[in-house]
Amino acid sequence: MGYSTDFKGMLKFKKEPTASELAYLKKFLSQDRRDIGFKNDSDVYESKDEYWYHIDLELTDDFSGLQWNGAEKTCGLYHIVNFITKQMRKKYPEFELTGKLTAQGEDIEDRWELIMEKGLAVKKELVVKGKKITCPYCEEEFIPK
C-alpha cells in the first residue's frame, strides 16, 4: 500500500488573513497541484529531493492557521508548505506562517518536526530516546515511556 506519516499540530497565520486571502489560499488546500494549474514539475519543485502532488493541508476550524488534512500517504509536507507560502506571497507579500507540526511515520524511528523558521518550513529530525522493544505476539515495535 505504501508508507504513511501522521502529523499533529498547526501552523498559525502570523497576521490575521483577510477574507480575500483566505479565499485565495483555499484554492490550493486539499488539491492535487496538477488540477490547479501546476502540471509541470519544473514549475513547482525547487530541489531534486522533492516529489509530491497533493496539498494535504486544510484551514483550522477557527481559520487561525493550517493543519494536516489527515490524507493517507502525505509526502514532502515541508516542501508543500513552502510552495503554498511562495504562491501566497506572489499576491500577498506579507503572508507568513508560524509554529510547527510533529511528524510520526510508520517506523518508530521516523519522527521529525516541520518548523517554521524565518518564514520557511524546515524539517528537523527528532532523536528517539529509549530502548526499542518488539512485542512477542504481534511483532510490533515500540518504545515504552
C-alpha atoms as a PDB file:
ATOM      1  CA  MET A   1       0.000   0.000   0.000  1.00  0.00           C
ATOM      2  CA  GLY A   2       2.835   2.449   0.726  1.00  0.00           C
ATOM      3  CA  TYR A   3       4.163   4.361   3.681  1.00  0.00           C
ATOM      4  CA  SER A   4       2.169   6.775   5.835  1.00  0.00           C
ATOM      5  CA  THR A   5       3.135   9.618   8.125  1.00  0.00           C
ATOM      6  CA  ASP A   6       0.784  11.340  10.593  1.00  0.00           C
ATOM      7  CA  PHE A   7       1.090  14.999  11.610  1.00  0.00           C
ATOM      8  CA  LYS A   8      -0.044  16.774  14.769  1.00  0.00           C
ATOM      9  CA  GLY A   9      -0.138  20.488  15.496  1.00  0.00           C
ATOM     10  CA  MET A  10      -0.879  23.549  13.422  1.00  0.00           C
ATOM     11  CA  LEU A  11       0.797  26.379  11.579  1.00  0.00           C
ATOM     12  CA  LYS A  12      -0.687  29.712  12.621  1.00  0.00           C
ATOM     13  CA  PHE A  13      -1.010  32.796  10.438  1.00  0.00           C
ATOM     14  CA  LYS A  14       1.440  35.441  11.628  1.00  0.00           C
ATOM     15  CA  LYS A  15      -1.179  38.109  10.955  1.00  0.00           C
ATOM     16  CA  GLU A  16      -4.904  37.581  10.660  1.00  0.00           C
ATOM     17  CA  PRO A  17      -5.740  36.964   6.993  1.00  0.00           C
ATOM     18  CA  THR A  18      -8.414  38.907   5.155  1.00  0.00           C
ATOM     19  CA  ALA A  19     -11.379  37.166   3.554  1.00  0.00           C
ATOM     20  CA  SER A  20      -9.774  37.549   0.114  1.00  0.00           C
ATOM     21  CA  GLU A  21      -6.520  35.987   1.391  1.00  0.00           C
ATOM     22  CA  LEU A  22      -8.430  33.029   2.845  1.00  0.00           C
ATOM     23  CA  ALA A  23     -10.396  32.592  -0.386  1.00  0.00           C
ATOM     24  CA  TYR A  24      -7.190  32.582  -2.455  1.00  0.00           C
ATOM     25  CA  LEU A  25      -5.468  30.164  -0.050  1.00  0.00           C
ATOM     26  CA  LYS A  26      -8.463  27.811  -0.096  1.00  0.00           C
ATOM     27  CA  LYS A  27      -7.975  27.297  -3.869  1.00  0.00           C
ATOM     28  CA  PHE A  28      -4.774  25.356  -3.055  1.00  0.00           C
ATOM     29  CA  LEU A  29      -5.784  23.373   0.018  1.00  0.00           C
ATOM     30  CA  SER A  30      -6.574  19.645  -0.300  1.00  0.00           C
ATOM     31  CA  GLN A  31      -5.973  19.834  -4.052  1.00  0.00           C
ATOM     32  CA  ASP A  32      -3.766  17.932  -6.483  1.00  0.00           C
ATOM     33  CA  ARG A  33      -1.372  20.567  -7.796  1.00  0.00           C
ATOM     34  CA  ARG A  34      -1.820  19.249 -11.359  1.00  0.00           C
ATOM     35  CA  ASP A  35      -5.553  20.029 -11.176  1.00  0.00           C
ATOM     36  CA  ILE A  36      -4.997  23.686 -10.235  1.00  0.00           C
ATOM     37  CA  GLY A  37      -2.574  24.656 -12.981  1.00  0.00           C
ATOM     38  CA  PHE A  38       0.776  23.266 -11.770  1.00  0.00           C
ATOM     39  CA  LYS A  39       1.257  20.267 -14.061  1.00  0.00           C
ATOM     40  CA  ASN A  40       4.981  20.736 -14.797  1.00  0.00           C
ATOM     41  CA  ASP A  41       7.417  19.620 -12.104  1.00  0.00           C
ATOM     42  CA  SER A  42       9.788  22.439 -13.071  1.00  0.00           C
ATOM     43  CA  ASP A  43       7.097  24.989 -12.101  1.00  0.00           C
ATOM     44  CA  VAL A  44       6.846  23.502  -8.607  1.00  0.00           C
ATOM     45  CA  TYR A  45       9.937  21.683  -7.370  1.00  0.00           C
ATOM     46  CA  GLU A  46      12.932  23.683  -6.192  1.00  0.00           C
ATOM     47  CA  SER A  47      15.208  20.718  -5.478  1.00  0.00           C
ATOM     48  CA  LYS A  48      15.761  17.181  -6.727  1.00  0.00           C
ATOM     49  CA  ASP A  49      14.595  15.654  -3.421  1.00  0.00           C
ATOM     50  CA  GLU A  50      11.039  16.940  -3.868  1.00  0.00           C
ATOM     51  CA  TYR A  51       8.237  14.698  -5.024  1.00  0.00           C
ATOM     52  CA  TRP A  52       4.634  15.462  -4.176  1.00  0.00           C
ATOM     53  CA  TYR A  53       1.332  16.142  -5.899  1.00  0.00           C
ATOM     54  CA  HIS A  54      -1.306  16.577  -3.208  1.00  0.00           C
ATOM     55  CA  ILE A  55      -1.551  19.631  -0.962  1.00  0.00           C
ATOM     56  CA  ASP A  56      -2.589  17.777   2.196  1.00  0.00           C
ATOM     57  CA  LEU A  57      -3.424  20.849   4.276  1.00  0.00           C
ATOM     58  CA  GLU A  58      -6.673  22.440   5.423  1.00  0.00           C
ATOM     59  CA  LEU A  59      -7.745  25.506   7.366  1.00  0.00           C
ATOM     60  CA  THR A  60      -8.208  25.037  11.103  1.00  0.00           C
ATOM     61  CA  ASP A  61     -11.819  25.223  12.318  1.00  0.00           C
ATOM     62  CA  ASP A  62     -11.267  28.748  13.648  1.00  0.00           C
ATOM     63  CA  PHE A  63      -9.434  29.922  10.467  1.00  0.00           C
ATOM     64  CA  SER A  64      -6.358  30.857  12.520  1.00  0.00           C
ATOM     65  CA  GLY A  65      -3.975  28.642  10.569  1.00  0.00           C
ATOM     66  CA  LEU A  66      -3.335  25.438   8.659  1.00  0.00           C
ATOM     67  CA  GLN A  67      -3.249  21.804   9.739  1.00  0.00           C
ATOM     68  CA  TRP A  68      -2.732  18.418   8.096  1.00  0.00           C
ATOM     69  CA  ASN A  69      -5.961  17.208   6.494  1.00  0.00           C
ATOM     70  CA  GLY A  70      -5.481  13.559   7.525  1.00  0.00           C
ATOM     71  CA  ALA A  71      -4.762  12.332   3.999  1.00  0.00           C
ATOM     72  CA  GLU A  72      -3.111   8.980   3.613  1.00  0.00           C
ATOM     73  CA  LYS A  73       0.430   8.864   2.156  1.00  0.00           C
ATOM     74  CA  THR A  74       1.294  12.539   2.738  1.00  0.00           C
ATOM     75  CA  CYS A  75       4.775  13.129   1.392  1.00  0.00           C
ATOM     76  CA  GLY A  76       7.076  16.177   1.432  1.00  0.00           C
ATOM     77  CA  LEU A  77       4.852  18.330   3.632  1.00  0.00           C
ATOM     78  CA  TYR A  78       7.594  20.874   4.376  1.00  0.00           C
ATOM     79  CA  HIS A  79       8.053  21.362   0.609  1.00  0.00           C
ATOM     80  CA  ILE A  80       4.286  21.761   0.246  1.00  0.00           C
ATOM     81  CA  VAL A  81       4.175  24.429   2.976  1.00  0.00           C
ATOM     82  CA  ASN A  82       6.987  26.316   1.227  1.00  0.00           C
ATOM     83  CA  PHE A  83       5.145  26.046  -2.108  1.00  0.00           C
ATOM     84  CA  ILE A  84       1.965  27.465  -0.518  1.00  0.00           C
ATOM     85  CA  THR A  85       3.962  30.264   1.118  1.00  0.00           C
ATOM     86  CA  LYS A  86       5.632  31.146  -2.185  1.00  0.00           C
ATOM     87  CA  GLN A  87       2.319  31.192  -4.076  1.00  0.00           C
ATOM     88  CA  MET A  88       0.590  33.274  -1.408  1.00  0.00           C
ATOM     89  CA  ARG A  89       3.436  35.812  -1.278  1.00  0.00           C
ATOM     90  CA  LYS A  90       3.116  36.460  -5.003  1.00  0.00           C
ATOM     91  CA  LYS A  91      -0.262  38.055  -4.302  1.00  0.00           C
ATOM     92  CA  TYR A  92       0.041  38.821  -0.568  1.00  0.00           C
ATOM     93  CA  PRO A  93       3.728  39.617   0.213  1.00  0.00           C
ATOM     94  CA  GLU A  94       3.234  39.700   3.992  1.00  0.00           C
ATOM     95  CA  PHE A  95       1.787  36.159   4.185  1.00  0.00           C
ATOM     96  CA  GLU A  96       3.643  34.123   6.814  1.00  0.00           C
ATOM     97  CA  LEU A  97       3.071  31.052   8.977  1.00  0.00           C
ATOM     98  CA  THR A  98       4.460  30.310  12.440  1.00  0.00           C
ATOM     99  CA  GLY A  99       4.580  27.199  14.604  1.00  0.00           C
ATOM    100  CA  LYS A 100       5.328  23.552  13.980  1.00  0.00           C
ATOM    101  CA  LEU A 101       3.886  20.168  13.075  1.00  0.00           C
ATOM    102  CA  THR A 102       5.176  16.947  14.610  1.00  0.00           C
ATOM    103  CA  ALA A 103       5.504  14.009  12.218  1.00  0.00           C
ATOM    104  CA  GLN A 104       5.377  10.289  13.057  1.00  0.00           C
ATOM    105  CA  GLY A 105       5.960   7.752  10.316  1.00  0.00           C
ATOM    106  CA  GLU A 106       5.072   4.070  10.434  1.00  0.00           C
ATOM    107  CA  ASP A 107       8.609   3.238  11.599  1.00  0.00           C
ATOM    108  CA  ILE A 108       9.124   4.120  15.258  1.00  0.00           C
ATOM    109  CA  GLU A 109      12.378   5.955  14.465  1.00  0.00           C
ATOM    110  CA  ASP A 110      10.702   8.098  11.791  1.00  0.00           C
ATOM    111  CA  ARG A 111       9.927  11.161  13.900  1.00  0.00           C
ATOM    112  CA  TRP A 112      10.577  14.733  12.905  1.00  0.00           C
ATOM    113  CA  GLU A 113       9.194  18.249  13.128  1.00  0.00           C
ATOM    114  CA  LEU A 114       8.185  20.706  10.455  1.00  0.00           C
ATOM    115  CA  ILE A 115       9.219  24.024  11.993  1.00  0.00           C
ATOM    116  CA  MET A 116       8.643  27.488  10.557  1.00  0.00           C
ATOM    117  CA  GLU A 117      11.909  29.459  10.617  1.00  0.00           C
ATOM    118  CA  LYS A 118      12.261  32.902   9.035  1.00  0.00           C
ATOM    119  CA  GLY A 119       9.106  32.337   7.018  1.00  0.00           C
ATOM    120  CA  LEU A 120      10.101  28.935   5.603  1.00  0.00           C
ATOM    121  CA  ALA A 121       9.262  25.373   6.621  1.00  0.00           C
ATOM    122  CA  VAL A 122      12.255  23.243   7.588  1.00  0.00           C
ATOM    123  CA  LYS A 123      12.478  19.583   8.542  1.00  0.00           C
ATOM    124  CA  LYS A 124      14.187  18.855  11.888  1.00  0.00           C
ATOM    125  CA  GLU A 125      14.876  15.256  12.843  1.00  0.00           C
ATOM    126  CA  LEU A 126      13.943  14.196  16.387  1.00  0.00           C
ATOM    127  CA  VAL A 127      16.096  11.881  18.456  1.00  0.00           C
ATOM    128  CA  VAL A 128      14.177   8.839  19.629  1.00  0.00           C
ATOM    129  CA  LYS A 129      15.133   8.052  23.236  1.00  0.00           C
ATOM    130  CA  GLY A 130      14.616   4.747  24.972  1.00  0.00           C
ATOM    131  CA  LYS A 131      15.057   1.110  24.153  1.00  0.00           C
ATOM    132  CA  LYS A 132      13.030  -0.329  21.283  1.00  0.00           C
ATOM    133  CA  ILE A 133      11.080  -3.451  22.244  1.00  0.00           C
ATOM    134  CA  THR A 134       9.384  -5.941  19.909  1.00  0.00           C
ATOM    135  CA  CYS A 135       6.109  -7.465  21.084  1.00  0.00           C
ATOM    136  CA  PRO A 136       6.457 -11.271  21.053  1.00  0.00           C
ATOM    137  CA  TYR A 137       2.816 -11.703  19.959  1.00  0.00           C
ATOM    138  CA  CYS A 138       2.231  -9.161  17.199  1.00  0.00           C
ATOM    139  CA  GLU A 139       5.878  -8.298  16.423  1.00  0.00           C
ATOM    140  CA  GLU A 140       5.051  -4.569  16.608  1.00  0.00           C
ATOM    141  CA  GLU A 141       7.968  -2.387  17.732  1.00  0.00           C
ATOM    142  CA  PHE A 142       7.529   0.288  20.381  1.00  0.00           C
ATOM    143  CA  ILE A 143       9.452   2.321  22.941  1.00  0.00           C
ATOM    144  CA  PRO A 144       7.914   2.237  26.432  1.00  0.00           C
ATOM    145  CA  LYS A 145       7.512   5.528  28.299  1.00  0.00           C
END
